């Protein structure tokens, strides 16, 4: 007998009464469903509207958004909340309307949309428009494994500014699957402990004497039966743990292929990214020539002279920002190892840090 899956609920995070509510966890555990239902309930009960935000324009195309609320419709939520007045949802021009179909198959829409679609890439188009009734904002899939927009956090805040204006009654939900521990939003919002946060917990961040609060919930796994769909994703690959357990997705990176001695380390440089310090060693033996990277667990001995790559600006000549855009001869020699895939890591977590740093170097974060 199959047990019913217990999906995510907003109950606990709403108790924190935060302006920003960040919800992360395994894929398809009901995060988006819960926020859509919350926004729809508010519209039907109070007339307050909802904003649904995605990164790219293509994410709001009709073929992608026609069925955004189909799970709500299929579960009879709309018919129940409206006492049968509406039973379905119609999508048109980045707006979602409640509707019903009569016996002839003709559609009848509600007079105003309950939800508006926004994309970050179209931020400039919204500046002259007013949305005074939006009180629920849902930014779906804000964590990306691949590419972020340039200065994306600032773009996102500009979209929020257009929606919120001078109001204080807007609640923001940011939803993400655990696909990238080094999402730039984490550092931009000062979420210092999110990478160490335990599943099933909610952390609350406050900001000095302001009233701003950010609640971060790392959701528990859904309670799936043994014969659930997880069986399809049971391969021995750490990247699939995000689907089956909600663990952070981490790829498999090349580990050191040979043993080497301290005398084989010809040069040392450092990478600092998202508060993580990595020691990078150029190793040369009779047969091998590569760079090996591992976490630095002690303080830098000579930070005014050691070669350091960091995203932060620093006027000292030994500091460099973008490893993939070398300026000096030493930088060109270091960059060669990355261009030729002669880089090895002590563990997959270290490889993930470097991957995200290199994406930042190329302007993709």
Protein backbone atom coordinates (compact mmCIF):
# COMPACT_ATOMS: atom_id res chain seq x y z
CA UNK A 1 0.00 0.00 0.00
CA UNK A 2 1.41 3.41 -1.00
CA UNK A 3 1.62 6.07 1.70
CA UNK A 4 0.43 9.57 0.89
CA UNK A 5 3.29 12.03 0.38
CA UNK A 6 3.36 14.87 2.90
CA UNK A 7 4.19 18.06 1.02
CA UNK A 8 5.67 21.33 2.26
CA UNK A 9 3.58 23.84 4.25
CA UNK A 10 4.18 27.57 4.84
CA UNK A 11 2.86 27.26 8.40
CA UNK A 12 6.19 27.49 10.24
CA UNK A 13 7.92 30.16 8.18
CA UNK A 14 4.90 32.47 8.28
CA UNK A 15 5.21 32.52 12.07
CA UNK A 16 8.51 34.41 11.68
CA UNK A 17 6.63 37.38 10.16
CA UNK A 18 9.55 38.24 7.89
CA UNK A 19 9.45 40.43 4.79
CA UNK A 20 11.64 37.96 2.86
CA UNK A 21 10.92 34.23 3.13
CA UNK A 22 13.55 32.06 1.49
CA UNK A 23 12.54 28.42 1.09
CA UNK A 24 15.06 25.87 -0.19
CA UNK A 25 14.99 22.10 -0.47
CA UNK A 26 14.55 19.09 -2.69
CA UNK A 27 12.81 19.38 -6.03
CA UNK A 28 9.03 18.79 -6.26
CA UNK A 29 8.36 18.87 -2.53
CA UNK A 30 5.53 21.41 -2.81
CA UNK A 31 7.33 24.74 -2.24
CA UNK A 32 5.81 26.50 -5.25
CA UNK A 33 2.42 24.87 -4.73
CA UNK A 34 2.25 26.20 -1.17
CA UNK A 35 3.02 29.80 -2.21
CA UNK A 36 0.63 29.71 -5.18
CA UNK A 37 -2.14 28.46 -2.90
CA UNK A 38 -1.32 31.13 -0.30
CA UNK A 39 -1.46 33.93 -2.90
CA UNK A 40 -4.67 32.61 -4.44
CA UNK A 41 -6.36 32.36 -1.05
CA UNK A 42 -5.49 35.97 -0.29
CA UNK A 43 -6.91 37.13 -3.61
CA UNK A 44 -10.18 35.31 -3.18
CA UNK A 45 -10.62 36.45 0.42
CA UNK A 46 -9.29 40.02 0.24
CA UNK A 47 -8.75 40.95 -3.43
CA UNK A 48 -4.98 41.24 -2.86
CA UNK A 49 -2.98 40.15 -5.90
CA UNK A 50 0.17 38.13 -6.47
CA UNK A 51 3.40 38.56 -8.46
CA UNK A 52 5.20 35.59 -10.00
CA UNK A 53 8.84 36.36 -10.87
CA UNK A 54 11.25 34.38 -13.06
CA UNK A 55 14.72 35.17 -14.34
CA UNK A 56 14.22 35.12 -18.12
CA UNK A 57 11.47 36.34 -20.47
CA UNK A 58 11.19 32.85 -21.93
CA UNK A 59 10.06 31.55 -18.54
CA UNK A 60 6.84 33.54 -18.94
CA UNK A 61 5.95 32.32 -22.42
CA UNK A 62 2.42 30.98 -22.81
CA UNK A 63 3.50 27.40 -23.35
CA UNK A 64 5.38 27.46 -20.03
CA UNK A 65 2.81 29.33 -17.95
CA UNK A 66 -0.53 28.05 -19.25
CA UNK A 67 -0.41 25.24 -16.70
CA UNK A 68 1.33 27.01 -13.81
CA UNK A 69 -1.78 26.70 -11.63
CA UNK A 70 -3.01 23.38 -13.05
CA UNK A 71 -2.17 21.52 -9.83
CA UNK A 72 -4.29 24.00 -7.87
CA UNK A 73 -7.12 23.55 -10.38
CA UNK A 74 -6.87 19.75 -10.39
CA UNK A 75 -7.12 19.62 -6.60
CA UNK A 76 -10.36 21.60 -6.68
CA UNK A 77 -8.94 24.46 -4.61
CA UNK A 78 -10.37 27.23 -6.82
CA UNK A 79 -13.85 25.73 -6.95
CA UNK A 80 -13.77 25.25 -3.18
CA UNK A 81 -12.56 28.76 -2.33
CA UNK A 82 -14.95 30.50 -4.75
CA UNK A 83 -17.87 28.20 -3.90
CA UNK A 84 -18.07 27.08 -7.51
CA UNK A 85 -18.07 30.55 -9.08
CA UNK A 86 -14.73 29.79 -10.79
CA UNK A 87 -13.15 26.44 -11.53
CA UNK A 88 -10.14 27.15 -13.76
CA UNK A 89 -7.32 29.59 -14.63
CA UNK A 90 -6.69 31.47 -17.88
CA UNK A 91 -3.26 32.90 -18.78
CA UNK A 92 -2.84 35.85 -21.12
CA UNK A 93 -0.12 38.50 -21.55
CA UNK A 94 1.73 37.71 -18.31
CA UNK A 95 -1.48 37.69 -16.28
CA UNK A 96 -3.45 34.89 -14.70
CA UNK A 97 -7.24 35.15 -14.35
CA UNK A 98 -9.78 32.97 -12.59
CA UNK A 99 -12.34 31.62 -15.04
CA UNK A 100 -15.00 29.00 -15.69
CA UNK A 101 -16.39 27.31 -18.79
CA UNK A 102 -20.13 27.17 -19.42
CA UNK A 103 -22.06 24.27 -20.93
CA UNK A 104 -21.26 25.52 -24.43
CA UNK A 105 -17.54 25.51 -23.70
CA UNK A 106 -17.27 29.30 -23.67
CA UNK A 107 -14.80 30.76 -21.20
CA UNK A 108 -15.78 33.48 -18.72
CA UNK A 109 -12.93 35.35 -16.99
CA UNK A 110 -12.79 37.22 -13.72
CA UNK A 111 -12.66 40.97 -14.33
CA UNK A 112 -9.11 41.40 -13.02
CA UNK A 113 -6.05 39.13 -12.79
CA UNK A 114 -5.14 37.50 -9.49
CA UNK A 115 -1.49 37.19 -10.50
CA UNK A 116 1.00 39.14 -12.67
CA UNK A 117 4.15 37.68 -14.27
CA UNK A 118 7.50 39.50 -14.10
CA UNK A 119 10.89 38.58 -15.55
CA UNK A 120 14.15 40.11 -14.34
CA UNK A 121 15.34 40.58 -17.92
CA UNK A 122 12.35 42.90 -18.58
CA UNK A 123 12.88 45.03 -15.48
CA UNK A 124 12.94 48.31 -17.40
CA UNK A 125 9.44 47.73 -18.80
CA UNK A 126 7.78 47.78 -15.37
CA UNK A 127 9.07 51.09 -14.02
CA UNK A 128 6.15 53.23 -15.19
CA UNK A 129 3.48 50.74 -14.10
CA UNK A 130 1.74 50.59 -10.72
CA UNK A 131 0.71 47.41 -8.90
CA UNK A 132 -0.92 48.69 -5.69
CA UNK A 133 -2.81 45.48 -4.90
CA UNK A 134 0.10 43.02 -5.05
CA UNK A 135 0.93 41.81 -1.53
CA UNK A 136 2.42 38.37 -2.31
CA UNK A 137 5.59 38.02 -4.38
CA UNK A 138 6.88 34.61 -5.50
CA UNK A 139 10.37 34.45 -7.07
CA UNK A 140 10.53 30.87 -8.35
CA UNK A 141 13.79 28.97 -8.98
CA UNK A 142 15.99 31.85 -7.85
CA UNK A 143 18.92 29.47 -7.32
CA UNK A 144 20.62 28.57 -10.59
CA UNK A 145 23.18 25.91 -11.36
CA UNK A 146 24.26 27.78 -14.47
CA UNK A 147 24.01 31.48 -15.29
CA UNK A 148 22.87 34.52 -13.32
CA UNK A 149 22.27 37.95 -14.78
CA UNK A 150 24.84 40.69 -14.32
CA UNK A 151 24.16 42.37 -10.94
CA UNK A 152 21.10 40.16 -10.65
CA UNK A 153 20.37 40.94 -7.00
CA UNK A 154 20.16 44.66 -7.82
CA UNK A 155 17.87 43.89 -10.77
CA UNK A 156 15.64 41.81 -8.50
CA UNK A 157 15.50 44.60 -5.92
CA UNK A 158 14.53 47.07 -8.65
CA UNK A 159 11.63 44.85 -9.70
CA UNK A 160 10.53 44.64 -6.06
CA UNK A 161 10.78 48.42 -5.76
CA UNK A 162 8.42 48.81 -8.72
CA UNK A 163 5.93 46.44 -7.12
CA UNK A 164 6.17 47.64 -3.52
CA UNK A 165 6.56 51.41 -3.97
CA UNK A 166 5.90 52.96 -0.53
CA UNK A 167 3.98 50.08 1.02
CA UNK A 168 4.88 47.80 3.94
CA UNK A 169 2.32 45.02 3.45
CA UNK A 170 4.18 42.93 0.85
CA UNK A 171 5.49 39.45 1.69
CA UNK A 172 8.24 38.04 -0.55
CA UNK A 173 8.86 34.33 -1.10
CA UNK A 174 12.06 33.17 -2.79
CA UNK A 175 11.98 29.50 -3.76
CA UNK A 176 14.93 27.37 -4.80
CA UNK A 177 16.05 23.79 -5.24
CA UNK A 178 19.34 22.90 -3.56
CA UNK A 179 21.37 23.03 -6.78
CA UNK A 180 24.09 25.55 -5.84
CA UNK A 181 25.51 26.38 -2.41
CA UNK A 182 27.20 29.48 -3.81
CA UNK A 183 24.17 31.38 -5.12
CA UNK A 184 25.11 35.11 -5.20
CA UNK A 185 21.89 36.03 -3.38
CA UNK A 186 23.28 34.41 -0.24
CA UNK A 187 26.23 36.79 0.02
CA UNK A 188 24.27 39.82 -1.22
CA UNK A 189 21.67 39.30 1.52
CA UNK A 190 24.19 38.47 4.23
CA UNK A 191 23.01 34.88 4.71
CA UNK A 192 26.28 33.78 6.26
CA UNK A 193 25.18 30.46 7.71
CA UNK A 194 23.00 29.09 4.94
CA UNK A 195 25.60 26.61 3.69
CA UNK A 196 25.82 25.07 7.18
CA UNK A 197 22.09 25.16 7.91
CA UNK A 198 20.45 21.85 8.81
CA UNK A 199 17.41 20.45 7.05
CA UNK A 200 14.14 21.06 8.86
CA UNK A 201 15.29 24.34 10.43
CA UNK A 202 14.43 28.02 9.96
CA UNK A 203 17.09 30.70 10.49
CA UNK A 204 16.09 34.32 11.01
CA UNK A 205 18.38 37.16 9.91
CA UNK A 206 17.99 40.73 11.17
CA UNK A 207 19.86 43.84 10.04
CA UNK A 208 20.96 46.25 12.74
CA UNK A 209 18.28 48.59 14.00
CA UNK A 210 16.12 48.23 10.88
CA UNK A 211 12.87 46.26 10.89
CA UNK A 212 14.04 44.08 8.00
CA UNK A 213 13.82 40.33 8.64
CA UNK A 214 14.76 37.44 6.35
CA UNK A 215 13.59 33.94 7.24
CA UNK A 216 15.41 31.02 5.62
CA UNK A 217 13.84 27.57 5.75
CA UNK A 218 15.76 24.49 4.66
CA UNK A 219 12.81 22.18 4.19
CA UNK A 220 12.57 18.64 5.44
CA UNK A 221 12.41 15.84 2.90
CA UNK A 222 8.94 14.85 1.79
CA UNK A 223 7.79 11.62 3.37
CA UNK A 224 7.85 9.27 0.39
CA UNK A 225 6.97 5.61 0.41
CA UNK A 226 9.57 3.01 -0.50
CA UNK A 227 7.98 2.46 -3.90
CA UNK A 228 7.97 6.19 -4.78
CA UNK A 229 9.69 7.74 -7.81
CA UNK A 230 12.98 8.09 -5.91
CA UNK A 231 13.91 4.64 -7.27
CA UNK A 232 14.55 6.28 -10.65
CA UNK A 233 17.27 8.52 -9.17
CA UNK A 234 19.21 6.06 -7.01
CA UNK A 235 22.44 6.10 -9.03
CA UNK A 236 25.70 6.65 -7.15
CA UNK A 237 26.00 10.30 -8.16
CA UNK A 238 26.10 13.10 -5.55
CA UNK A 239 24.29 15.48 -7.89
CA UNK A 240 21.14 13.34 -7.62
CA UNK A 241 20.97 13.70 -3.82
CA UNK A 242 19.23 17.04 -4.39
CA UNK A 243 16.28 15.17 -5.94
CA UNK A 244 16.06 12.29 -3.50
CA UNK A 245 17.07 13.86 -0.17
CA UNK A 246 17.21 17.64 -0.66
CA UNK A 247 20.98 17.69 -0.08
CA UNK A 248 22.95 20.39 -1.91
CA UNK A 249 23.81 19.34 -5.44
CA UNK A 250 27.55 18.82 -5.90
CA UNK A 251 29.18 17.44 -9.03
CA UNK A 252 32.06 14.96 -9.15
CA UNK A 253 35.41 16.72 -9.65
CA UNK A 254 38.84 15.25 -10.51
CA UNK A 255 40.87 14.32 -7.45
CA UNK A 256 44.64 14.32 -7.27
CA UNK A 257 45.91 11.57 -9.64
CA UNK A 258 49.31 10.98 -7.97
CA UNK A 259 51.08 11.27 -4.68
CA UNK A 260 53.58 14.09 -4.44
CA UNK A 261 56.10 15.38 -1.94
CA UNK A 262 56.45 18.90 -0.46
CA UNK A 263 59.50 19.43 -2.67
CA UNK A 264 57.28 18.94 -5.73
CA UNK A 265 55.24 22.05 -4.86
CA UNK A 266 56.88 24.80 -6.92
CA UNK A 267 54.45 27.66 -6.27
CA UNK A 268 51.47 28.47 -4.04
CA UNK A 269 48.62 30.92 -4.63
CA UNK A 270 45.21 31.37 -3.03
CA UNK A 271 41.57 31.78 -4.04
CA UNK A 272 39.10 33.50 -1.70
CA UNK A 273 35.46 33.13 -2.67
CA UNK A 274 32.34 33.55 -0.50
CA UNK A 275 34.38 33.53 2.72
CA UNK A 276 36.12 30.30 1.69
CA UNK A 277 39.93 30.32 1.44
CA UNK A 278 41.54 27.76 -0.86
CA UNK A 279 45.22 26.94 -1.13
CA UNK A 280 46.32 26.22 -4.69
CA UNK A 281 49.61 24.45 -5.30
CA UNK A 282 51.43 24.14 -8.60
CA UNK A 283 52.95 20.67 -8.56
CA UNK A 284 55.77 19.56 -10.86
CA UNK A 285 57.32 16.11 -10.82
CA UNK A 286 59.40 14.30 -13.44
CA UNK A 287 56.19 13.33 -15.28
CA UNK A 288 53.37 15.55 -14.00
CA UNK A 289 52.57 19.25 -14.05
CA UNK A 290 49.26 20.37 -12.52
CA UNK A 291 47.66 22.56 -9.87
CA UNK A 292 46.13 20.97 -6.77
CA UNK A 293 43.54 22.83 -4.68
CA UNK A 294 42.42 22.18 -1.10
CA UNK A 295 40.84 24.23 1.72
CA UNK A 296 43.14 26.53 3.66
CA UNK A 297 42.51 25.84 7.35
CA UNK A 298 45.02 28.30 8.85
CA UNK A 299 45.58 32.03 8.48
CA UNK A 300 47.49 33.38 5.49
CA UNK A 301 51.11 33.85 6.52
CA UNK A 302 51.97 36.79 4.27
CA UNK A 303 48.77 38.33 2.81
CA UNK A 304 50.65 41.41 1.60
CA UNK A 305 52.88 39.42 -0.74
CA UNK A 306 51.24 36.06 -1.52
CA UNK A 307 49.34 35.82 -4.82
CA UNK A 308 45.63 36.00 -3.93
CA UNK A 309 42.61 35.84 -6.24
CA UNK A 310 39.55 37.38 -4.63
CA UNK A 311 36.24 38.89 -5.76
CA UNK A 312 36.84 41.81 -3.40
CA UNK A 313 38.72 44.90 -4.52
CA UNK A 314 42.12 45.34 -2.90
CA UNK A 315 44.77 47.92 -3.90
CA UNK A 316 47.71 45.69 -2.97
CA UNK A 317 49.58 44.53 -6.11
CA UNK A 318 49.52 40.86 -5.02
CA UNK A 319 45.70 40.79 -5.14
CA UNK A 320 43.96 39.86 -8.38
CA UNK A 321 40.25 39.47 -9.09
CA UNK A 322 39.59 37.42 -12.23
CA UNK A 323 41.82 34.42 -12.73
CA UNK A 324 40.47 33.79 -16.24
CA UNK A 325 41.45 37.30 -17.37
CA UNK A 326 45.19 37.36 -16.64
CA UNK A 327 47.24 40.54 -16.86
CA UNK A 328 50.72 39.61 -15.66
CA UNK A 329 52.96 36.73 -16.70
CA UNK A 330 52.40 34.88 -13.44
CA UNK A 331 48.64 35.17 -13.88
CA UNK A 332 48.94 33.81 -17.43
CA UNK A 333 50.92 30.81 -16.17
CA UNK A 334 48.31 30.10 -13.49
CA UNK A 335 45.40 30.52 -15.93
CA UNK A 336 47.04 27.98 -18.27
CA UNK A 337 46.29 25.15 -15.83
CA UNK A 338 42.57 25.98 -15.90
CA UNK A 339 42.46 26.44 -19.67
CA UNK A 340 44.03 22.99 -20.18
CA UNK A 341 42.08 21.16 -17.44
CA UNK A 342 45.15 20.45 -15.38
CA UNK A 343 43.39 21.19 -12.09
CA UNK A 344 42.65 18.66 -9.34
CA UNK A 345 40.81 18.98 -6.04
CA UNK A 346 41.03 17.51 -2.57
CA UNK A 347 37.24 16.93 -2.53
CA UNK A 348 34.08 17.69 -4.49
CA UNK A 349 33.13 20.60 -2.22
CA UNK A 350 36.37 22.37 -3.12
CA UNK A 351 35.69 21.76 -6.80
CA UNK A 352 32.26 23.34 -6.39
CA UNK A 353 33.76 26.49 -4.85
CA UNK A 354 36.22 26.86 -7.74
CA UNK A 355 33.51 26.20 -10.33
CA UNK A 356 31.41 29.03 -8.95
CA UNK A 357 34.42 31.34 -8.66
CA UNK A 358 35.33 30.73 -12.32
CA UNK A 359 31.73 31.42 -13.37
CA UNK A 360 31.95 34.70 -11.46
CA UNK A 361 35.19 35.48 -13.33
CA UNK A 362 33.38 34.98 -16.63
CA UNK A 363 30.51 37.25 -15.59
CA UNK A 364 27.99 34.45 -15.14
CA UNK A 365 27.25 35.13 -11.47
